[in-house]
Amino acid sequence: MCGSHLAAVLLSIIALPLLGGAQAPQLPRATQAIPDDTIITLQRGNCEGGCPVYRVIIFSDGDVIWNGQEHVAKTGVILSHIEPNQIRALLASFEAADYFHLENIYGYRGKACPQADIGKVMTRTTLVTGGRSQTMSHYAGCVGPVPDQLSAIEKKIDQTVNTSRWITGKTPAK
């Protein structure tokens, strides 16, 4: 990992609580520049029954870091890359869900999750872009329109990065 990405990750971890209320321009449209501070993360785990445990970090320049931890074909750190239009599409998904204005926890029996199926995976997403940040914890068994939107964002991140190649060890047919 290059020094600037390490610095960005450390800054995002340290600054997340500080940036939450900052106001900034809206997320970029299809042809707009992607803010340099953009970081998207997806972390899955904390379930019963041996679900895949991993974390994906996507940077504004398209660099991707996979960190497979348990119940995945590829453990450890793998570097990859996605295209700018893929990042813009992910940002558009966050914008469509009004991500920065949602509750930050949609967990089992939480106030934002009045109904839930048990035995599902917990997923955490983080979006840092344009001076704003939000981290979301989402229990996959949580039922409702917002949890459905969060599930769609999580699925889109997995598909965009193609995490299945590291989870199962198989590359999908084209």
N, C-alpha and C. Protein backbone atom coordinates (compact mmCIF):
# COMPACT_ATOMS: atom_id res chain seq x y z
N MET A 1 0.87 -1.17 0.00
CA MET A 1 0.00 0.00 0.00
C MET A 1 0.90 1.22 0.00
N CYS A 2 0.60 2.17 -0.86
CA CYS A 2 1.42 3.36 -0.92
C CYS A 2 1.16 4.24 0.30
N GLY A 3 2.10 5.12 0.57
CA GLY A 3 2.00 5.96 1.76
C GLY A 3 0.78 6.85 1.81
N SER A 4 0.37 7.36 0.63
CA SER A 4 -0.79 8.26 0.63
C SER A 4 -2.07 7.50 1.00
N HIS A 5 -2.18 6.24 0.56
CA HIS A 5 -3.38 5.46 0.91
C HIS A 5 -3.37 5.09 2.39
N LEU A 6 -2.20 4.73 2.91
CA LEU A 6 -2.11 4.43 4.33
C LEU A 6 -2.48 5.66 5.14
N ALA A 7 -1.99 6.80 4.73
CA ALA A 7 -2.32 8.05 5.43
C ALA A 7 -3.81 8.33 5.35
N ALA A 8 -4.41 8.08 4.18
CA ALA A 8 -5.85 8.32 4.01
C ALA A 8 -6.67 7.40 4.90
N VAL A 9 -6.26 6.13 5.00
CA VAL A 9 -6.97 5.18 5.86
C VAL A 9 -6.88 5.62 7.31
N LEU A 10 -5.66 5.95 7.74
CA LEU A 10 -5.48 6.39 9.13
C LEU A 10 -6.26 7.67 9.40
N LEU A 11 -6.24 8.61 8.47
CA LEU A 11 -6.98 9.85 8.64
C LEU A 11 -8.47 9.56 8.73
N SER A 12 -8.98 8.65 7.89
CA SER A 12 -10.41 8.36 7.91
C SER A 12 -10.81 7.72 9.23
N ILE A 13 -9.96 6.88 9.78
CA ILE A 13 -10.28 6.23 11.05
C ILE A 13 -10.28 7.26 12.18
N ILE A 14 -9.29 8.13 12.17
CA ILE A 14 -9.18 9.14 13.22
C ILE A 14 -10.27 10.21 13.06
N ALA A 15 -10.54 10.62 11.81
CA ALA A 15 -11.42 11.76 11.58
C ALA A 15 -12.90 11.40 11.47
N LEU A 16 -13.26 10.11 11.38
CA LEU A 16 -14.67 9.75 11.21
C LEU A 16 -15.59 10.44 12.20
N PRO A 17 -15.30 10.40 13.50
CA PRO A 17 -16.22 11.06 14.42
C PRO A 17 -16.23 12.58 14.25
N LEU A 18 -15.13 13.15 13.76
CA LEU A 18 -15.04 14.60 13.66
C LEU A 18 -15.76 15.14 12.43
N LEU A 19 -15.84 14.34 11.34
CA LEU A 19 -16.37 14.84 10.08
C LEU A 19 -17.86 14.64 9.91
N GLY A 20 -18.48 13.86 10.77
CA GLY A 20 -19.87 13.48 10.58
C GLY A 20 -20.82 14.61 10.31
N GLY A 21 -20.64 15.75 10.92
CA GLY A 21 -21.59 16.84 10.74
C GLY A 21 -21.17 17.85 9.69
N ALA A 22 -20.00 17.65 9.06
CA ALA A 22 -19.52 18.62 8.09
C ALA A 22 -20.40 18.64 6.85
N GLN A 23 -20.62 19.82 6.31
CA GLN A 23 -21.39 19.96 5.08
C GLN A 23 -20.43 20.07 3.91
N ALA A 24 -20.77 19.43 2.79
CA ALA A 24 -19.92 19.46 1.61
C ALA A 24 -20.79 19.29 0.38
N PRO A 25 -20.20 19.47 -0.79
CA PRO A 25 -20.97 19.30 -2.01
C PRO A 25 -21.55 17.89 -2.11
N GLN A 26 -22.58 17.73 -2.95
CA GLN A 26 -23.18 16.43 -3.15
C GLN A 26 -22.20 15.49 -3.82
N LEU A 27 -22.53 14.19 -3.82
CA LEU A 27 -21.68 13.18 -4.42
C LEU A 27 -21.58 13.43 -5.93
N PRO A 28 -20.46 12.98 -6.54
CA PRO A 28 -20.24 13.27 -7.95
C PRO A 28 -21.20 12.53 -8.88
N ARG A 29 -21.61 13.18 -9.95
CA ARG A 29 -22.42 12.58 -11.01
C ARG A 29 -21.48 11.84 -11.96
N ALA A 30 -22.05 11.24 -12.98
CA ALA A 30 -21.33 10.36 -13.90
C ALA A 30 -20.06 10.96 -14.51
N THR A 31 -20.02 12.25 -14.78
CA THR A 31 -18.84 12.83 -15.41
C THR A 31 -18.05 13.75 -14.48
N GLN A 32 -18.51 13.94 -13.28
CA GLN A 32 -17.81 14.81 -12.35
C GLN A 32 -16.59 14.09 -11.76
N ALA A 33 -15.67 14.91 -11.29
CA ALA A 33 -14.48 14.36 -10.63
C ALA A 33 -14.88 13.69 -9.32
N ILE A 34 -14.17 12.66 -8.98
CA ILE A 34 -14.38 11.96 -7.71
C ILE A 34 -13.50 12.68 -6.68
N PRO A 35 -14.08 13.14 -5.56
CA PRO A 35 -13.25 13.82 -4.55
C PRO A 35 -12.07 12.95 -4.12
N ASP A 36 -10.91 13.57 -3.97
CA ASP A 36 -9.68 12.84 -3.60
C ASP A 36 -9.79 12.13 -2.27
N ASP A 37 -10.65 12.63 -1.37
CA ASP A 37 -10.76 12.01 -0.05
C ASP A 37 -11.71 10.81 -0.02
N THR A 38 -12.25 10.41 -1.17
CA THR A 38 -13.25 9.34 -1.22
C THR A 38 -12.65 8.00 -0.81
N ILE A 39 -13.29 7.39 0.17
CA ILE A 39 -12.97 6.04 0.61
C ILE A 39 -14.30 5.34 0.88
N ILE A 40 -14.45 4.16 0.31
CA ILE A 40 -15.63 3.33 0.55
C ILE A 40 -15.15 2.03 1.17
N THR A 41 -15.75 1.64 2.28
CA THR A 41 -15.38 0.36 2.88
C THR A 41 -16.62 -0.51 3.05
N LEU A 42 -16.38 -1.81 3.00
CA LEU A 42 -17.39 -2.82 3.27
C LEU A 42 -16.72 -3.87 4.13
N GLN A 43 -17.34 -4.17 5.27
CA GLN A 43 -16.79 -5.19 6.17
C GLN A 43 -17.93 -6.13 6.55
N ARG A 44 -17.70 -7.42 6.33
CA ARG A 44 -18.72 -8.42 6.66
C ARG A 44 -18.18 -9.38 7.71
N GLY A 45 -19.11 -9.85 8.58
CA GLY A 45 -18.73 -10.82 9.59
C GLY A 45 -19.74 -10.86 10.72
N ASN A 46 -19.30 -11.39 11.86
CA ASN A 46 -20.12 -11.46 13.06
C ASN A 46 -21.42 -12.22 12.86
N CYS A 47 -21.35 -13.42 12.36
CA CYS A 47 -22.56 -14.23 12.24
C CYS A 47 -22.29 -15.62 12.80
N GLU A 48 -23.35 -16.32 13.08
CA GLU A 48 -23.23 -17.70 13.51
C GLU A 48 -23.19 -18.58 12.27
N GLY A 49 -22.41 -19.62 12.29
CA GLY A 49 -22.44 -20.56 11.19
C GLY A 49 -21.34 -20.42 10.16
N GLY A 50 -20.33 -19.64 10.42
CA GLY A 50 -19.18 -19.61 9.53
C GLY A 50 -19.32 -18.80 8.26
N CYS A 51 -19.89 -17.62 8.33
CA CYS A 51 -19.99 -16.77 7.14
C CYS A 51 -18.62 -16.18 6.82
N PRO A 52 -18.43 -15.74 5.57
CA PRO A 52 -17.17 -15.09 5.20
C PRO A 52 -16.94 -13.82 6.02
N VAL A 53 -15.71 -13.65 6.48
CA VAL A 53 -15.33 -12.47 7.24
C VAL A 53 -14.23 -11.77 6.44
N TYR A 54 -14.53 -10.56 5.99
CA TYR A 54 -13.58 -9.84 5.16
C TYR A 54 -13.87 -8.34 5.19
N ARG A 55 -12.90 -7.59 4.66
CA ARG A 55 -13.05 -6.14 4.53
C ARG A 55 -12.50 -5.72 3.18
N VAL A 56 -13.20 -4.80 2.52
CA VAL A 56 -12.78 -4.23 1.25
C VAL A 56 -12.71 -2.72 1.42
N ILE A 57 -11.64 -2.13 0.93
CA ILE A 57 -11.47 -0.67 0.97
C ILE A 57 -11.26 -0.20 -0.46
N ILE A 58 -12.06 0.76 -0.89
CA ILE A 58 -11.96 1.32 -2.24
C ILE A 58 -11.55 2.78 -2.11
N PHE A 59 -10.51 3.16 -2.85
CA PHE A 59 -10.01 4.53 -2.81
C PHE A 59 -10.45 5.31 -4.04
N SER A 60 -10.35 6.63 -3.96
CA SER A 60 -10.81 7.52 -5.03
C SER A 60 -10.14 7.26 -6.37
N ASP A 61 -8.92 6.75 -6.36
CA ASP A 61 -8.21 6.49 -7.62
C ASP A 61 -8.52 5.10 -8.18
N GLY A 62 -9.41 4.35 -7.51
CA GLY A 62 -9.79 3.02 -7.97
C GLY A 62 -9.01 1.89 -7.34
N ASP A 63 -8.00 2.20 -6.55
CA ASP A 63 -7.28 1.13 -5.86
C ASP A 63 -8.21 0.46 -4.85
N VAL A 64 -8.08 -0.85 -4.75
CA VAL A 64 -8.92 -1.65 -3.86
C VAL A 64 -8.01 -2.53 -3.00
N ILE A 65 -8.31 -2.59 -1.72
CA ILE A 65 -7.61 -3.50 -0.81
C ILE A 65 -8.62 -4.51 -0.29
N TRP A 66 -8.34 -5.78 -0.47
CA TRP A 66 -9.11 -6.90 0.09
C TRP A 66 -8.34 -7.40 1.30
N ASN A 67 -9.04 -7.62 2.41
CA ASN A 67 -8.44 -8.25 3.57
C ASN A 67 -9.36 -9.39 4.00
N GLY A 68 -9.04 -10.59 3.53
CA GLY A 68 -9.82 -11.77 3.89
C GLY A 68 -9.35 -12.32 5.23
N GLN A 69 -10.32 -12.59 6.12
CA GLN A 69 -9.94 -13.02 7.46
C GLN A 69 -10.34 -14.46 7.78
N GLU A 70 -11.61 -14.82 7.58
CA GLU A 70 -12.05 -16.17 7.90
C GLU A 70 -13.11 -16.64 6.92
N HIS A 71 -13.16 -17.94 6.69
CA HIS A 71 -14.18 -18.56 5.84
C HIS A 71 -14.19 -17.98 4.43
N VAL A 72 -13.01 -17.65 3.92
CA VAL A 72 -12.84 -17.16 2.56
C VAL A 72 -11.72 -17.97 1.90
N ALA A 73 -11.73 -18.03 0.57
CA ALA A 73 -10.69 -18.76 -0.15
C ALA A 73 -9.35 -18.03 -0.09
N LYS A 74 -9.38 -16.70 -0.10
CA LYS A 74 -8.15 -15.90 -0.09
C LYS A 74 -8.06 -15.08 1.19
N THR A 75 -7.23 -15.54 2.14
CA THR A 75 -7.03 -14.77 3.37
C THR A 75 -5.86 -13.81 3.15
N GLY A 76 -5.79 -12.80 3.97
CA GLY A 76 -4.73 -11.82 3.88
C GLY A 76 -5.10 -10.67 2.96
N VAL A 77 -4.09 -9.90 2.59
CA VAL A 77 -4.29 -8.67 1.82
C VAL A 77 -4.01 -8.92 0.34
N ILE A 78 -4.93 -8.45 -0.50
CA ILE A 78 -4.77 -8.49 -1.95
C ILE A 78 -5.10 -7.11 -2.48
N LEU A 79 -4.30 -6.63 -3.42
CA LEU A 79 -4.53 -5.34 -4.05
C LEU A 79 -5.19 -5.55 -5.41
N SER A 80 -6.13 -4.67 -5.75
CA SER A 80 -6.85 -4.75 -7.01
C SER A 80 -7.16 -3.32 -7.45
N HIS A 81 -7.96 -3.21 -8.51
CA HIS A 81 -8.27 -1.88 -9.04
C HIS A 81 -9.63 -1.93 -9.74
N ILE A 82 -10.39 -0.83 -9.64
CA ILE A 82 -11.63 -0.65 -10.39
C ILE A 82 -11.56 0.69 -11.12
N GLU A 83 -12.46 0.87 -12.08
CA GLU A 83 -12.46 2.07 -12.91
C GLU A 83 -13.25 3.21 -12.27
N PRO A 84 -12.94 4.47 -12.64
CA PRO A 84 -13.65 5.62 -12.07
C PRO A 84 -15.17 5.56 -12.25
N ASN A 85 -15.64 5.07 -13.40
CA ASN A 85 -17.10 5.01 -13.60
C ASN A 85 -17.74 4.03 -12.63
N GLN A 86 -17.01 3.03 -12.18
CA GLN A 86 -17.53 2.10 -11.18
C GLN A 86 -17.64 2.78 -9.81
N ILE A 87 -16.67 3.63 -9.49
CA ILE A 87 -16.72 4.39 -8.24
C ILE A 87 -17.90 5.36 -8.28
N ARG A 88 -18.07 6.04 -9.40
CA ARG A 88 -19.20 6.97 -9.54
C ARG A 88 -20.53 6.25 -9.36
N ALA A 89 -20.64 5.04 -9.92
CA ALA A 89 -21.88 4.26 -9.78
C ALA A 89 -22.12 3.89 -8.31
N LEU A 90 -21.07 3.54 -7.60
CA LEU A 90 -21.22 3.24 -6.17
C LEU A 90 -21.66 4.50 -5.42
N LEU A 91 -21.02 5.62 -5.71
CA LEU A 91 -21.39 6.88 -5.04
C LEU A 91 -22.84 7.24 -5.34
N ALA A 92 -23.29 6.99 -6.55
CA ALA A 92 -24.69 7.26 -6.91
C ALA A 92 -25.64 6.39 -6.10
N SER A 93 -25.24 5.16 -5.80
CA SER A 93 -26.07 4.28 -4.97
C SER A 93 -26.18 4.82 -3.54
N PHE A 94 -25.07 5.29 -3.00
CA PHE A 94 -25.10 5.90 -1.67
C PHE A 94 -26.00 7.14 -1.67
N GLU A 95 -25.87 7.96 -2.71
CA GLU A 95 -26.67 9.17 -2.81
C GLU A 95 -28.16 8.84 -2.91
N ALA A 96 -28.51 7.85 -3.72
CA ALA A 96 -29.91 7.46 -3.91
C ALA A 96 -30.54 7.00 -2.59
N ALA A 97 -29.73 6.41 -1.73
CA ALA A 97 -30.22 5.96 -0.42
C ALA A 97 -30.19 7.07 0.62
N ASP A 98 -29.69 8.26 0.26
CA ASP A 98 -29.53 9.38 1.20
C ASP A 98 -28.71 8.94 2.41
N TYR A 99 -27.62 8.24 2.12
CA TYR A 99 -26.77 7.58 3.11
C TYR A 99 -26.34 8.49 4.26
N PHE A 100 -25.99 9.73 3.96
CA PHE A 100 -25.50 10.63 5.01
C PHE A 100 -26.58 11.05 6.00
N HIS A 101 -27.85 10.79 5.68
CA HIS A 101 -28.94 11.20 6.56
C HIS A 101 -29.66 10.03 7.23
N LEU A 102 -29.12 8.84 7.10
CA LEU A 102 -29.73 7.66 7.72
C LEU A 102 -29.23 7.48 9.15
N GLU A 103 -29.97 6.70 9.92
CA GLU A 103 -29.48 6.27 11.24
C GLU A 103 -28.17 5.52 10.99
N ASN A 104 -27.30 5.42 11.97
CA ASN A 104 -26.04 4.73 11.72
C ASN A 104 -26.05 3.26 12.16
N ILE A 105 -27.15 2.81 12.76
CA ILE A 105 -27.25 1.41 13.15
C ILE A 105 -28.61 0.86 12.76
N TYR A 106 -28.58 -0.18 11.94
CA TYR A 106 -29.76 -0.96 11.60
C TYR A 106 -29.45 -2.37 12.06
N GLY A 107 -29.46 -2.55 13.39
CA GLY A 107 -29.06 -3.81 13.99
C GLY A 107 -30.21 -4.54 14.64
N TYR A 108 -29.95 -5.75 14.99
CA TYR A 108 -30.95 -6.62 15.61
C TYR A 108 -31.56 -5.95 16.84
N ARG A 109 -32.87 -5.76 16.81
CA ARG A 109 -33.65 -5.14 17.89
C ARG A 109 -33.29 -3.68 18.16
N GLY A 110 -32.61 -3.02 17.22
CA GLY A 110 -32.32 -1.61 17.39
C GLY A 110 -33.52 -0.78 17.02
N LYS A 111 -33.52 0.50 17.40
CA LYS A 111 -34.68 1.35 17.14
C LYS A 111 -34.94 1.51 15.64
N ALA A 112 -33.92 1.40 14.82
CA ALA A 112 -34.11 1.51 13.37
C ALA A 112 -34.42 0.16 12.73
N CYS A 113 -34.53 -0.87 13.56
CA CYS A 113 -34.80 -2.22 13.05
C CYS A 113 -35.82 -2.91 13.94
N PRO A 114 -37.09 -2.56 13.82
CA PRO A 114 -38.11 -3.13 14.69
C PRO A 114 -38.37 -4.62 14.45
N GLN A 115 -38.10 -5.12 13.22
CA GLN A 115 -38.28 -6.53 12.90
C GLN A 115 -36.99 -7.08 12.33
N ALA A 116 -36.64 -8.33 12.71
CA ALA A 116 -35.42 -8.93 12.18
C ALA A 116 -35.50 -10.45 12.24
N ASP A 117 -34.91 -11.07 11.23
CA ASP A 117 -34.68 -12.51 11.24
C ASP A 117 -33.35 -12.73 11.93
N ILE A 118 -33.23 -13.80 12.72
CA ILE A 118 -31.98 -14.05 13.43
C ILE A 118 -31.05 -14.92 12.60
N GLY A 119 -29.77 -14.95 12.97
CA GLY A 119 -28.78 -15.78 12.32
C GLY A 119 -28.19 -15.23 11.05
N LYS A 120 -28.28 -13.94 10.83
CA LYS A 120 -27.78 -13.31 9.60
C LYS A 120 -26.45 -12.59 9.86
N VAL A 121 -25.83 -12.14 8.80
CA VAL A 121 -24.53 -11.48 8.88
C VAL A 121 -24.68 -9.99 9.24
N MET A 122 -23.67 -9.48 9.92
CA MET A 122 -23.57 -8.05 10.22
C MET A 122 -22.59 -7.45 9.22
N THR A 123 -22.99 -6.33 8.62
CA THR A 123 -22.16 -5.65 7.63
C THR A 123 -21.99 -4.20 8.06
N ARG A 124 -20.79 -3.72 7.88
CA ARG A 124 -20.50 -2.32 8.18
C ARG A 124 -19.97 -1.67 6.89
N THR A 125 -20.58 -0.55 6.53
CA THR A 125 -20.09 0.23 5.40
C THR A 125 -19.67 1.60 5.91
N THR A 126 -18.71 2.17 5.22
CA THR A 126 -18.29 3.53 5.51
C THR A 126 -18.13 4.26 4.19
N LEU A 127 -18.60 5.48 4.17
CA LEU A 127 -18.38 6.36 3.02
C LEU A 127 -17.75 7.64 3.52
N VAL A 128 -16.60 7.97 2.98
CA VAL A 128 -15.95 9.25 3.21
C VAL A 128 -15.82 9.89 1.83
N THR A 129 -16.36 11.08 1.66
CA THR A 129 -16.23 11.78 0.38
C THR A 129 -16.60 13.25 0.54
N GLY A 130 -15.87 14.10 -0.12
CA GLY A 130 -16.16 15.52 -0.11
C GLY A 130 -16.21 16.13 1.28
N GLY A 131 -15.37 15.64 2.20
CA GLY A 131 -15.32 16.19 3.55
C GLY A 131 -16.40 15.66 4.49
N ARG A 132 -17.19 14.70 4.05
CA ARG A 132 -18.25 14.12 4.88
C ARG A 132 -17.94 12.64 5.11
N SER A 133 -18.48 12.10 6.19
CA SER A 133 -18.31 10.67 6.44
C SER A 133 -19.51 10.12 7.19
N GLN A 134 -19.74 8.84 6.98
CA GLN A 134 -20.81 8.12 7.68
C GLN A 134 -20.40 6.66 7.72
N THR A 135 -20.57 6.06 8.87
CA THR A 135 -20.37 4.62 9.03
C THR A 135 -21.69 4.02 9.42
N MET A 136 -22.02 2.91 8.79
CA MET A 136 -23.33 2.28 8.97
C MET A 136 -23.13 0.82 9.37
N SER A 137 -23.77 0.41 10.45
CA SER A 137 -23.82 -1.00 10.82
C SER A 137 -25.19 -1.53 10.44
N HIS A 138 -25.20 -2.64 9.69
CA HIS A 138 -26.44 -3.16 9.16
C HIS A 138 -26.50 -4.67 9.36
N TYR A 139 -27.49 -5.11 10.11
CA TYR A 139 -27.73 -6.53 10.32
C TYR A 139 -28.59 -7.03 9.17
N ALA A 140 -28.14 -8.05 8.44
CA ALA A 140 -28.83 -8.50 7.22
C ALA A 140 -30.24 -9.01 7.49
N GLY A 141 -30.55 -9.35 8.72
CA GLY A 141 -31.89 -9.83 9.03
C GLY A 141 -32.88 -8.72 9.31
N CYS A 142 -32.42 -7.47 9.32
CA CYS A 142 -33.28 -6.32 9.58
C CYS A 142 -34.21 -6.12 8.38
N VAL A 143 -35.49 -5.95 8.65
CA VAL A 143 -36.51 -5.88 7.60
C VAL A 143 -37.00 -4.45 7.43
N GLY A 144 -37.16 -4.00 6.18
CA GLY A 144 -37.73 -2.68 5.91
C GLY A 144 -37.10 -2.04 4.70
N PRO A 145 -37.64 -0.89 4.27
CA PRO A 145 -37.15 -0.23 3.05
C PRO A 145 -35.69 0.23 3.15
N VAL A 146 -35.30 0.83 4.27
CA VAL A 146 -33.92 1.31 4.40
C VAL A 146 -32.95 0.13 4.46
N PRO A 147 -33.21 -0.89 5.28
CA PRO A 147 -32.31 -2.04 5.26
C PRO A 147 -32.20 -2.68 3.86
N ASP A 148 -33.29 -2.68 3.11
CA ASP A 148 -33.23 -3.21 1.74
C ASP A 148 -32.30 -2.37 0.87
N GLN A 149 -32.34 -1.04 1.03
CA GLN A 149 -31.43 -0.16 0.29
C GLN A 149 -29.98 -0.43 0.69
N LEU A 150 -29.75 -0.62 1.99
CA LEU A 150 -28.39 -0.89 2.46
C LEU A 150 -27.89 -2.23 1.90
N SER A 151 -28.76 -3.23 1.88
CA SER A 151 -28.38 -4.53 1.31
C SER A 151 -28.01 -4.37 -0.16
N ALA A 152 -28.75 -3.53 -0.88
CA ALA A 152 -28.46 -3.30 -2.30
C ALA A 152 -27.09 -2.63 -2.49
N ILE A 153 -26.78 -1.65 -1.64
CA ILE A 153 -25.47 -0.99 -1.69
C ILE A 153 -24.36 -2.00 -1.40
N GLU A 154 -24.54 -2.80 -0.37
CA GLU A 154 -23.54 -3.80 0.00
C GLU A 154 -23.31 -4.79 -1.14
N LYS A 155 -24.40 -5.24 -1.75
CA LYS A 155 -24.31 -6.18 -2.87
C LYS A 155 -23.59 -5.53 -4.05
N LYS A 156 -23.88 -4.25 -4.31
CA LYS A 156 -23.25 -3.53 -5.41
C LYS A 156 -21.74 -3.40 -5.18
N ILE A 157 -21.34 -3.12 -3.95
CA ILE A 157 -19.91 -3.05 -3.64
C ILE A 157 -19.26 -4.40 -3.92
N ASP A 158 -19.87 -5.48 -3.41
CA ASP A 158 -19.33 -6.83 -3.65
C ASP A 158 -19.22 -7.12 -5.14
N GLN A 159 -20.26 -6.80 -5.90
CA GLN A 159 -20.25 -7.07 -7.34
C GLN A 159 -19.23 -6.21 -8.08
N THR A 160 -19.14 -4.94 -7.71
CA THR A 160 -18.21 -4.02 -8.37
C THR A 160 -16.77 -4.47 -8.19
N VAL A 161 -16.44 -4.87 -6.98
CA VAL A 161 -15.08 -5.30 -6.68
C VAL A 161 -14.85 -6.77 -7.07
N ASN A 162 -15.95 -7.49 -7.26
CA ASN A 162 -15.90 -8.92 -7.57
C ASN A 162 -15.29 -9.71 -6.40
N THR A 163 -15.83 -9.50 -5.21
CA THR A 163 -15.32 -10.19 -4.02
C THR A 163 -15.52 -11.70 -4.09
N SER A 164 -16.45 -12.17 -4.92
CA SER A 164 -16.70 -13.61 -5.00
C SER A 164 -15.45 -14.38 -5.40
N ARG A 165 -14.55 -13.77 -6.17
CA ARG A 165 -13.31 -14.45 -6.57
C ARG A 165 -12.41 -14.75 -5.38
N TRP A 166 -12.51 -13.91 -4.34
CA TRP A 166 -11.70 -14.14 -3.15
C TRP A 166 -12.45 -14.93 -2.08
N ILE A 167 -13.76 -14.83 -2.11
CA ILE A 167 -14.57 -15.57 -1.14
C ILE A 167 -14.60 -17.05 -1.51
N THR A 168 -14.91 -17.33 -2.77
CA THR A 168 -15.05 -18.73 -3.21
C THR A 168 -13.80 -19.27 -3.87
N GLY A 169 -12.94 -18.38 -4.36
CA GLY A 169 -11.77 -18.81 -5.09
C GLY A 169 -12.03 -19.07 -6.56
N LYS A 170 -13.27 -18.83 -7.00
CA LYS A 170 -13.65 -19.07 -8.39
C LYS A 170 -13.94 -17.73 -9.07
N THR A 171 -13.53 -17.61 -10.31
CA THR A 171 -13.83 -16.43 -11.10
C THR A 171 -15.11 -16.69 -11.86
N PRO A 172 -16.10 -15.79 -11.73
CA PRO A 172 -17.36 -16.02 -12.45
C PRO A 172 -17.16 -16.04 -13.96
N ALA A 173 -17.97 -16.85 -14.66
CA ALA A 173 -17.93 -16.92 -16.12
C ALA A 173 -18.43 -15.60 -16.71
N LYS A 174 -17.85 -15.21 -17.83
CA LYS A 174 -18.27 -13.95 -18.47
C LYS A 174 -19.26 -14.21 -19.55
